[in-house]
Structure formats: structure tokens, C-alpha cells
Amino acid sequence: MPQKDESEKEPEPLPEQAAIPSRRVVPSEELFHGEREVWIQHDGTHYRLRITRRNKLILQK
């Protein structure tokens, strides 16, 4: 049986992670609208999400 060259090889299966449906990504600019903190209400509790001086995110209850 003749050997296939590189262009005729079967494609490798995709990793299982590739089968995960795409996730919704919200840019931080869209959440903060130029501010340094936002309040999030979840299950009756308020959480504060803020941007630190070092540009990190902190979520506080």
C-alpha cells in the first residue's frame, strides 16, 4: 500500500476542550464604563468589583 504524504494525512482529532461551547466574554470596559468599581447583585447579596491601583480585579462581599 502506498504511503500518504503529509498533505494527505488524516487530521488529528481536536482536544475535548475544543468541544466546549463558546463562553460569553464581557470586556471590563463594558462593565465599568470608565469607573473603578461596580456593584453586582447576586442571590440577594451585593458584591463590589473594583479595579486596584495595580490594575487587578478584586471582588468583595
C-alpha atoms as a PDB file:
ATOM      1  CA  MET A   1       0.000   0.000   0.000  1.00  0.00           C
ATOM      2  CA  PRO A   2       1.486   3.401  -0.939  1.00  0.00           C
ATOM      3  CA  GLN A   3       2.297   5.809   1.875  1.00  0.00           C
ATOM      4  CA  LYS A   4       0.416   9.104   2.100  1.00  0.00           C
ATOM      5  CA  ASP A   5       2.384  12.294   2.009  1.00  0.00           C
ATOM      6  CA  GLU A   6       1.929  14.961   4.712  1.00  0.00           C
ATOM      7  CA  SER A   7      -0.900  16.748   2.855  1.00  0.00           C
ATOM      8  CA  GLU A   8      -2.995  13.565   2.675  1.00  0.00           C
ATOM      9  CA  LYS A   9      -2.792  12.573   6.357  1.00  0.00           C
ATOM     10  CA  GLU A  10      -5.959  12.417   8.399  1.00  0.00           C
ATOM     11  CA  PRO A  11      -6.372  15.480  10.630  1.00  0.00           C
ATOM     12  CA  GLU A  12      -5.709  14.854  14.312  1.00  0.00           C
ATOM     13  CA  PRO A  13      -8.828  14.850  16.499  1.00  0.00           C
ATOM     14  CA  LEU A  14      -9.497  18.046  18.392  1.00  0.00           C
ATOM     15  CA  PRO A  15      -8.907  18.023  22.138  1.00  0.00           C
ATOM     16  CA  GLU A  16     -12.021  17.550  24.276  1.00  0.00           C
ATOM     17  CA  GLN A  17     -11.819  21.178  25.396  1.00  0.00           C
ATOM     18  CA  ALA A  18     -12.417  22.324  21.831  1.00  0.00           C
ATOM     19  CA  ALA A  19     -15.884  20.769  22.007  1.00  0.00           C
ATOM     20  CA  ILE A  20     -16.904  23.137  24.848  1.00  0.00           C
ATOM     21  CA  PRO A  21     -19.360  25.727  23.547  1.00  0.00           C
ATOM     22  CA  SER A  22     -18.066  29.275  23.352  1.00  0.00           C
ATOM     23  CA  ARG A  23     -18.404  31.340  26.504  1.00  0.00           C
ATOM     24  CA  ARG A  24     -19.733  34.839  26.828  1.00  0.00           C
ATOM     25  CA  VAL A  25     -16.873  37.292  27.346  1.00  0.00           C
ATOM     26  CA  VAL A  26     -17.647  40.790  28.596  1.00  0.00           C
ATOM     27  CA  PRO A  27     -14.809  43.317  28.305  1.00  0.00           C
ATOM     28  CA  SER A  28     -14.126  45.088  31.594  1.00  0.00           C
ATOM     29  CA  GLU A  29     -14.581  48.449  29.860  1.00  0.00           C
ATOM     30  CA  GLU A  30     -18.177  47.454  29.172  1.00  0.00           C
ATOM     31  CA  LEU A  31     -18.756  46.631  32.856  1.00  0.00           C
ATOM     32  CA  PHE A  32     -17.008  49.621  34.404  1.00  0.00           C
ATOM     33  CA  HIS A  33     -17.860  52.401  31.889  1.00  0.00           C
ATOM     34  CA  GLY A  34     -14.787  54.404  32.946  1.00  0.00           C
ATOM     35  CA  GLU A  35     -15.359  53.916  36.683  1.00  0.00           C
ATOM     36  CA  ARG A  36     -13.100  51.998  39.094  1.00  0.00           C
ATOM     37  CA  GLU A  37     -15.841  49.914  40.747  1.00  0.00           C
ATOM     38  CA  VAL A  38     -19.215  48.350  40.072  1.00  0.00           C
ATOM     39  CA  TRP A  39     -21.746  46.702  42.371  1.00  0.00           C
ATOM     40  CA  ILE A  40     -23.153  43.298  41.451  1.00  0.00           C
ATOM     41  CA  GLN A  41     -26.333  41.889  42.946  1.00  0.00           C
ATOM     42  CA  HIS A  42     -26.440  38.104  43.105  1.00  0.00           C
ATOM     43  CA  ASP A  43     -28.936  35.992  45.007  1.00  0.00           C
ATOM     44  CA  GLY A  44     -29.976  38.923  47.190  1.00  0.00           C
ATOM     45  CA  THR A  45     -26.412  39.869  48.142  1.00  0.00           C
ATOM     46  CA  HIS A  46     -24.403  42.846  46.883  1.00  0.00           C
ATOM     47  CA  TYR A  47     -20.789  42.418  45.802  1.00  0.00           C
ATOM     48  CA  ARG A  48     -18.281  45.128  44.956  1.00  0.00           C
ATOM     49  CA  LEU A  49     -15.982  44.531  41.989  1.00  0.00           C
ATOM     50  CA  ARG A  50     -13.185  47.049  41.791  1.00  0.00           C
ATOM     51  CA  ILE A  51     -10.006  47.761  39.863  1.00  0.00           C
ATOM     52  CA  THR A  52      -6.948  48.232  42.085  1.00  0.00           C
ATOM     53  CA  ARG A  53      -4.120  50.725  41.588  1.00  0.00           C
ATOM     54  CA  ARG A  54      -2.130  47.867  40.030  1.00  0.00           C
ATOM     55  CA  ASN A  55      -4.954  47.209  37.563  1.00  0.00           C
ATOM     56  CA  LYS A  56      -6.074  43.946  39.214  1.00  0.00           C
ATOM     57  CA  LEU A  57      -9.677  42.993  39.966  1.00  0.00           C
ATOM     58  CA  ILE A  58     -10.969  42.398  43.483  1.00  0.00           C
ATOM     59  CA  LEU A  59     -14.432  41.058  44.290  1.00  0.00           C
ATOM     60  CA  GLN A  60     -15.667  41.784  47.825  1.00  0.00           C
ATOM     61  CA  LYS A  61     -18.816  40.742  49.606  1.00  0.00           C
END
